[in-house]
Amino acid sequence: MRIADSTDLRDYIVHFQNLLNVDTCEQIIEWAKAEPSADNAWEGFEVAKSALTNTENVIMDTRTCDYTMLGPDRGPCWDRLELALHHIIEHYPYVHKATDHTGIQLIRYGHGHHFEEHVDSYGGAPRILSASIMLNNDYEGGELTFWQDQYQSQTHTAGDAIVFPSNFAFPHAVKPVKNGIRYVLVVWFV
């Protein structure tokens, strides 16, 4: 690994093409469609919360989506997901020292759902790298943007991932979904 030769923060936003194959993405979405609504993300889709403080997460209008957790005994394709996450740790090109992840969230953004600008690392969740793995592209809107919409991720391809530092220098947002449902896996590396 290397330290960046550039001072442009956009260089730290890395696009991993074909991290997952399309069949894997489709299997995960089909599994997700059968998941019920639940009060616990380990039992089905829970309404997503936002960090109000370092120790308190609440439902807020700043984040509107649902999520469920994947694990070795919950959800399809676990071995393929673990290989993909290991690939990110090994091939993210800049020094990061991440060795593990905090779990895999499957997030579902329906019509109008969004996540206002935020950062992923804070006192209650000291994360190093953030990864968004796209599972589908049959939706409109839902763009991943950085720095008050000054930069937009260019990928909506199923199986591709966007990886970036979780720290305060990378505030990002998910714009409202205009049509369809956006499915994405979100992982934080520690």
C-alpha atoms as a PDB file:
ATOM      1  CA  MET A   1       0.000   0.000   0.000  1.00  0.00           C
ATOM      2  CA  ARG A   2       1.039   3.566  -0.505  1.00  0.00           C
ATOM      3  CA  ILE A   3       0.271   7.029   0.682  1.00  0.00           C
ATOM      4  CA  ALA A   4      -1.427   9.066  -2.048  1.00  0.00           C
ATOM      5  CA  ASP A   5       0.784  11.074  -4.371  1.00  0.00           C
ATOM      6  CA  SER A   6      -2.088  13.496  -4.858  1.00  0.00           C
ATOM      7  CA  THR A   7      -3.650  16.065  -2.574  1.00  0.00           C
ATOM      8  CA  ASP A   8      -7.016  15.708  -4.345  1.00  0.00           C
ATOM      9  CA  LEU A   9      -9.428  14.016  -1.943  1.00  0.00           C
ATOM     10  CA  ARG A  10     -11.330  12.509  -4.883  1.00  0.00           C
ATOM     11  CA  ASP A  11      -8.389  10.147  -5.451  1.00  0.00           C
ATOM     12  CA  TYR A  12      -9.246   8.381  -2.185  1.00  0.00           C
ATOM     13  CA  ILE A  13     -12.701   7.444  -3.517  1.00  0.00           C
ATOM     14  CA  VAL A  14     -11.925   4.155  -5.237  1.00  0.00           C
ATOM     15  CA  HIS A  15     -14.214   2.331  -7.647  1.00  0.00           C
ATOM     16  CA  PHE A  16     -13.969  -1.485  -7.539  1.00  0.00           C
ATOM     17  CA  GLN A  17     -15.519  -2.868 -10.718  1.00  0.00           C
ATOM     18  CA  ASN A  18     -17.204  -6.286 -10.708  1.00  0.00           C
ATOM     19  CA  LEU A  19     -16.541  -6.886  -7.015  1.00  0.00           C
ATOM     20  CA  LEU A  20     -19.595  -9.168  -7.028  1.00  0.00           C
ATOM     21  CA  ASN A  21     -20.993 -10.918 -10.083  1.00  0.00           C
ATOM     22  CA  VAL A  22     -24.522 -10.151 -11.268  1.00  0.00           C
ATOM     23  CA  ASP A  23     -25.842 -13.577 -10.199  1.00  0.00           C
ATOM     24  CA  THR A  24     -24.687 -12.945  -6.622  1.00  0.00           C
ATOM     25  CA  CYS A  25     -26.360  -9.521  -6.637  1.00  0.00           C
ATOM     26  CA  GLU A  26     -29.614 -11.021  -7.934  1.00  0.00           C
ATOM     27  CA  GLN A  27     -29.551 -13.794  -5.302  1.00  0.00           C
ATOM     28  CA  ILE A  28     -29.152 -11.235  -2.526  1.00  0.00           C
ATOM     29  CA  ILE A  29     -32.014  -9.084  -3.871  1.00  0.00           C
ATOM     30  CA  GLU A  30     -34.332 -12.103  -4.210  1.00  0.00           C
ATOM     31  CA  TRP A  31     -33.551 -13.059  -0.613  1.00  0.00           C
ATOM     32  CA  ALA A  32     -34.212  -9.448   0.472  1.00  0.00           C
ATOM     33  CA  LYS A  33     -37.611  -9.336  -1.224  1.00  0.00           C
ATOM     34  CA  ALA A  34     -38.794 -12.138   1.059  1.00  0.00           C
ATOM     35  CA  GLU A  35     -37.566 -10.450   4.260  1.00  0.00           C
ATOM     36  CA  PRO A  36     -40.345  -9.099   6.500  1.00  0.00           C
ATOM     37  CA  SER A  37     -40.465  -5.773   8.281  1.00  0.00           C
ATOM     38  CA  ALA A  38     -39.059  -6.134  11.791  1.00  0.00           C
ATOM     39  CA  ASP A  39     -38.038  -4.250  14.918  1.00  0.00           C
ATOM     40  CA  ASN A  40     -34.601  -5.868  14.744  1.00  0.00           C
ATOM     41  CA  ALA A  41     -32.363  -5.846  11.647  1.00  0.00           C
ATOM     42  CA  TRP A  42     -31.270  -9.430  12.416  1.00  0.00           C
ATOM     43  CA  GLU A  43     -34.870 -10.571  11.908  1.00  0.00           C
ATOM     44  CA  GLY A  44     -35.889  -8.526   8.843  1.00  0.00           C
ATOM     45  CA  PHE A  45     -35.928  -4.984   7.510  1.00  0.00           C
ATOM     46  CA  GLU A  46     -35.773  -2.388  10.282  1.00  0.00           C
ATOM     47  CA  VAL A  47     -36.329   1.329   9.774  1.00  0.00           C
ATOM     48  CA  ALA A  48     -32.831   2.861   9.695  1.00  0.00           C
ATOM     49  CA  LYS A  49     -31.749   5.200  12.457  1.00  0.00           C
ATOM     50  CA  SER A  50     -29.252   8.057  12.527  1.00  0.00           C
ATOM     51  CA  ALA A  51     -26.694   8.807  15.207  1.00  0.00           C
ATOM     52  CA  LEU A  52     -28.045  11.610  17.385  1.00  0.00           C
ATOM     53  CA  THR A  53     -25.071  11.416  19.763  1.00  0.00           C
ATOM     54  CA  ASN A  54     -22.139   9.030  20.207  1.00  0.00           C
ATOM     55  CA  THR A  55     -24.412   6.635  22.095  1.00  0.00           C
ATOM     56  CA  GLU A  56     -27.939   7.348  20.837  1.00  0.00           C
ATOM     57  CA  ASN A  57     -29.446   6.363  17.471  1.00  0.00           C
ATOM     58  CA  VAL A  58     -32.942   7.539  16.552  1.00  0.00           C
ATOM     59  CA  ILE A  59     -35.278   7.560  13.559  1.00  0.00           C
ATOM     60  CA  MET A  60     -34.897  10.941  11.836  1.00  0.00           C
ATOM     61  CA  ASP A  61     -36.028  12.569   8.583  1.00  0.00           C
ATOM     62  CA  THR A  62     -32.371  12.956   7.607  1.00  0.00           C
ATOM     63  CA  ARG A  63     -32.188   9.218   6.859  1.00  0.00           C
ATOM     64  CA  THR A  64     -35.129   7.428   5.272  1.00  0.00           C
ATOM     65  CA  CYS A  65     -34.503   3.815   4.309  1.00  0.00           C
ATOM     66  CA  ASP A  66     -34.738   0.293   5.702  1.00  0.00           C
ATOM     67  CA  TYR A  67     -31.926  -2.126   6.434  1.00  0.00           C
ATOM     68  CA  THR A  68     -31.294  -5.696   7.435  1.00  0.00           C
ATOM     69  CA  MET A  69     -28.125  -7.462   8.494  1.00  0.00           C
ATOM     70  CA  LEU A  70     -26.352 -10.281   6.681  1.00  0.00           C
ATOM     71  CA  GLY A  71     -24.185 -12.817   8.442  1.00  0.00           C
ATOM     72  CA  PRO A  72     -22.753 -16.323   8.112  1.00  0.00           C
ATOM     73  CA  ASP A  73     -26.103 -17.809   9.204  1.00  0.00           C
ATOM     74  CA  ARG A  74     -28.312 -15.113   7.713  1.00  0.00           C
ATOM     75  CA  GLY A  75     -28.610 -14.362   4.032  1.00  0.00           C
ATOM     76  CA  PRO A  76     -27.203 -15.833   0.831  1.00  0.00           C
ATOM     77  CA  CYS A  77     -23.719 -15.881  -0.659  1.00  0.00           C
ATOM     78  CA  TRP A  78     -21.796 -15.323   2.593  1.00  0.00           C
ATOM     79  CA  ASP A  79     -18.554 -16.896   1.324  1.00  0.00           C
ATOM     80  CA  ARG A  80     -18.602 -14.700  -1.802  1.00  0.00           C
ATOM     81  CA  LEU A  81     -19.286 -11.600   0.302  1.00  0.00           C
ATOM     82  CA  GLU A  82     -16.405 -12.351   2.664  1.00  0.00           C
ATOM     83  CA  LEU A  83     -14.055 -12.832  -0.326  1.00  0.00           C
ATOM     84  CA  ALA A  84     -15.183  -9.496  -1.773  1.00  0.00           C
ATOM     85  CA  LEU A  85     -14.583  -7.702   1.531  1.00  0.00           C
ATOM     86  CA  HIS A  86     -11.149  -9.285   1.880  1.00  0.00           C
ATOM     87  CA  HIS A  87     -10.380  -8.089  -1.673  1.00  0.00           C
ATOM     88  CA  ILE A  88     -11.242  -4.509  -0.663  1.00  0.00           C
ATOM     89  CA  ILE A  89      -8.967  -4.636   2.390  1.00  0.00           C
ATOM     90  CA  GLU A  90      -6.108  -6.064   0.330  1.00  0.00           C
ATOM     91  CA  HIS A  91      -6.485  -3.819  -2.722  1.00  0.00           C
ATOM     92  CA  TYR A  92      -7.620  -0.418  -1.467  1.00  0.00           C
ATOM     93  CA  PRO A  93      -4.543   1.462  -2.690  1.00  0.00           C
ATOM     94  CA  TYR A  94      -3.854   3.772   0.245  1.00  0.00           C
ATOM     95  CA  VAL A  95      -2.587   3.086   3.762  1.00  0.00           C
ATOM     96  CA  HIS A  96      -5.525   2.296   6.021  1.00  0.00           C
ATOM     97  CA  LYS A  97      -4.638  -0.531   8.484  1.00  0.00           C
ATOM     98  CA  ALA A  98      -8.194  -1.935   8.453  1.00  0.00           C
ATOM     99  CA  THR A  99      -8.299  -5.648   9.220  1.00  0.00           C
ATOM    100  CA  ASP A 100     -11.978  -6.407   9.814  1.00  0.00           C
ATOM    101  CA  HIS A 101     -15.485  -5.032   9.274  1.00  0.00           C
ATOM    102  CA  THR A 102     -18.415  -4.146  11.517  1.00  0.00           C
ATOM    103  CA  GLY A 103     -20.955  -6.274   9.651  1.00  0.00           C
ATOM    104  CA  ILE A 104     -22.810  -6.152   6.364  1.00  0.00           C
ATOM    105  CA  GLN A 105     -25.937  -4.035   6.080  1.00  0.00           C
ATOM    106  CA  LEU A 106     -28.315  -4.562   3.178  1.00  0.00           C
ATOM    107  CA  ILE A 107     -30.021  -1.209   2.700  1.00  0.00           C
ATOM    108  CA  ARG A 108     -33.251  -0.723   0.753  1.00  0.00           C
ATOM    109  CA  TYR A 109     -34.044   2.771  -0.518  1.00  0.00           C
ATOM    110  CA  GLY A 110     -37.604   3.049  -1.852  1.00  0.00           C
ATOM    111  CA  HIS A 111     -39.274   5.963  -3.612  1.00  0.00           C
ATOM    112  CA  GLY A 112     -38.259   9.240  -1.930  1.00  0.00           C
ATOM    113  CA  HIS A 113     -35.816   7.562   0.449  1.00  0.00           C
ATOM    114  CA  HIS A 114     -32.517   9.337   0.990  1.00  0.00           C
ATOM    115  CA  PHE A 115     -29.692   9.944   3.455  1.00  0.00           C
ATOM    116  CA  GLU A 116     -28.621  13.545   3.998  1.00  0.00           C
ATOM    117  CA  GLU A 117     -24.951  14.456   4.137  1.00  0.00           C
ATOM    118  CA  HIS A 118     -23.077  12.767   6.974  1.00  0.00           C
ATOM    119  CA  VAL A 119     -19.767  11.107   7.858  1.00  0.00           C
ATOM    120  CA  ASP A 120     -19.422   7.465   8.852  1.00  0.00           C
ATOM    121  CA  SER A 121     -16.824   7.717  11.628  1.00  0.00           C
ATOM    122  CA  TYR A 122     -17.649   9.345  14.944  1.00  0.00           C
ATOM    123  CA  GLY A 123     -16.972   8.689  18.630  1.00  0.00           C
ATOM    124  CA  GLY A 124     -19.594   5.951  18.849  1.00  0.00           C
ATOM    125  CA  ALA A 125     -18.402   4.264  15.653  1.00  0.00           C
ATOM    126  CA  PRO A 126     -14.684   4.808  14.901  1.00  0.00           C
ATOM    127  CA  ARG A 127     -14.590   3.403  11.354  1.00  0.00           C
ATOM    128  CA  ILE A 128     -11.663   3.538   8.901  1.00  0.00           C
ATOM    129  CA  LEU A 129     -13.072   2.745   5.441  1.00  0.00           C
ATOM    130  CA  SER A 130     -16.621   2.794   4.085  1.00  0.00           C
ATOM    131  CA  ALA A 131     -17.840   0.637   1.210  1.00  0.00           C
ATOM    132  CA  SER A 132     -21.066   0.807  -0.793  1.00  0.00           C
ATOM    133  CA  ILE A 133     -21.612  -2.226  -3.021  1.00  0.00           C
ATOM    134  CA  MET A 134     -24.319  -1.665  -5.629  1.00  0.00           C
ATOM    135  CA  LEU A 135     -26.703  -4.596  -6.111  1.00  0.00           C
ATOM    136  CA  ASN A 136     -28.912  -3.218  -8.885  1.00  0.00           C
ATOM    137  CA  ASN A 137     -29.233  -0.407 -11.393  1.00  0.00           C
ATOM    138  CA  ASP A 138     -32.948  -0.532 -12.262  1.00  0.00           C
ATOM    139  CA  TYR A 139     -33.857   2.613 -10.319  1.00  0.00           C
ATOM    140  CA  GLU A 140     -33.620   6.380 -10.836  1.00  0.00           C
ATOM    141  CA  GLY A 141     -32.048   8.846  -8.435  1.00  0.00           C
ATOM    142  CA  GLY A 142     -30.250   7.558  -5.356  1.00  0.00           C
ATOM    143  CA  GLU A 143     -26.901   9.037  -6.399  1.00  0.00           C
ATOM    144  CA  LEU A 144     -24.016   8.839  -3.924  1.00  0.00           C
ATOM    145  CA  THR A 145     -22.564  12.352  -3.676  1.00  0.00           C
ATOM    146  CA  PHE A 146     -19.740  13.949  -1.709  1.00  0.00           C
ATOM    147  CA  TRP A 147     -18.970  17.441  -0.422  1.00  0.00           C
ATOM    148  CA  GLN A 148     -22.404  19.045  -0.768  1.00  0.00           C
ATOM    149  CA  ASP A 149     -22.970  17.478  -4.196  1.00  0.00           C
ATOM    150  CA  GLN A 150     -19.662  18.757  -5.609  1.00  0.00           C
ATOM    151  CA  TYR A 151     -18.672  15.203  -6.579  1.00  0.00           C
ATOM    152  CA  GLN A 152     -20.896  12.300  -7.600  1.00  0.00           C
ATOM    153  CA  SER A 153     -20.002   8.628  -7.741  1.00  0.00           C
ATOM    154  CA  GLN A 154     -20.132   7.491 -11.337  1.00  0.00           C
ATOM    155  CA  THR A 155     -21.229   3.914 -10.678  1.00  0.00           C
ATOM    156  CA  HIS A 156     -24.686   2.427 -10.664  1.00  0.00           C
ATOM    157  CA  THR A 157     -23.491  -0.919 -12.002  1.00  0.00           C
ATOM    158  CA  ALA A 158     -24.606  -4.008 -10.099  1.00  0.00           C
ATOM    159  CA  GLY A 159     -21.631  -5.632  -8.392  1.00  0.00           C
ATOM    160  CA  ASP A 160     -19.446  -2.512  -8.334  1.00  0.00           C
ATOM    161  CA  ALA A 161     -18.280  -0.891  -5.097  1.00  0.00           C
ATOM    162  CA  ILE A 162     -17.288   2.597  -4.036  1.00  0.00           C
ATOM    163  CA  VAL A 163     -14.763   2.650  -1.172  1.00  0.00           C
ATOM    164  CA  PHE A 164     -13.604   5.763   0.674  1.00  0.00           C
ATOM    165  CA  PRO A 165     -12.247   6.845   4.069  1.00  0.00           C
ATOM    166  CA  SER A 166     -14.944   7.051   6.739  1.00  0.00           C
ATOM    167  CA  ASN A 167     -13.531  10.181   8.369  1.00  0.00           C
ATOM    168  CA  PHE A 168     -14.724  13.791   8.531  1.00  0.00           C
ATOM    169  CA  ALA A 169     -13.023  14.719   5.245  1.00  0.00           C
ATOM    170  CA  PHE A 170     -15.540  12.595   3.272  1.00  0.00           C
ATOM    171  CA  PRO A 171     -19.042  13.871   4.000  1.00  0.00           C
ATOM    172  CA  HIS A 172     -21.446  12.128   1.635  1.00  0.00           C
ATOM    173  CA  ALA A 173     -25.142  11.731   0.925  1.00  0.00           C
ATOM    174  CA  VAL A 174     -27.572   9.499  -0.942  1.00  0.00           C
ATOM    175  CA  LYS A 175     -29.938  11.597  -3.050  1.00  0.00           C
ATOM    176  CA  PRO A 176     -33.664  10.726  -3.061  1.00  0.00           C
ATOM    177  CA  VAL A 177     -34.708   7.711  -5.124  1.00  0.00           C
ATOM    178  CA  LYS A 178     -37.108   8.910  -7.814  1.00  0.00           C
ATOM    179  CA  ASN A 179     -38.260   5.568  -9.225  1.00  0.00           C
ATOM    180  CA  GLY A 180     -37.713   1.904  -8.328  1.00  0.00           C
ATOM    181  CA  ILE A 181     -35.837   0.476  -5.359  1.00  0.00           C
ATOM    182  CA  ARG A 182     -32.111   0.920  -4.742  1.00  0.00           C
ATOM    183  CA  TYR A 183     -30.435  -2.046  -3.030  1.00  0.00           C
ATOM    184  CA  VAL A 184     -26.921  -1.592  -1.676  1.00  0.00           C
ATOM    185  CA  LEU A 185     -24.622  -3.410   0.721  1.00  0.00           C
ATOM    186  CA  VAL A 186     -22.877  -1.068   3.141  1.00  0.00           C
ATOM    187  CA  VAL A 187     -19.823  -2.160   5.092  1.00  0.00           C
ATOM    188  CA  TRP A 188     -17.508  -0.268   7.413  1.00  0.00           C
ATOM    189  CA  PHE A 189     -13.961  -1.491   7.918  1.00  0.00           C
ATOM    190  CA  VAL A 190     -12.161  -1.126  11.239  1.00  0.00           C
END
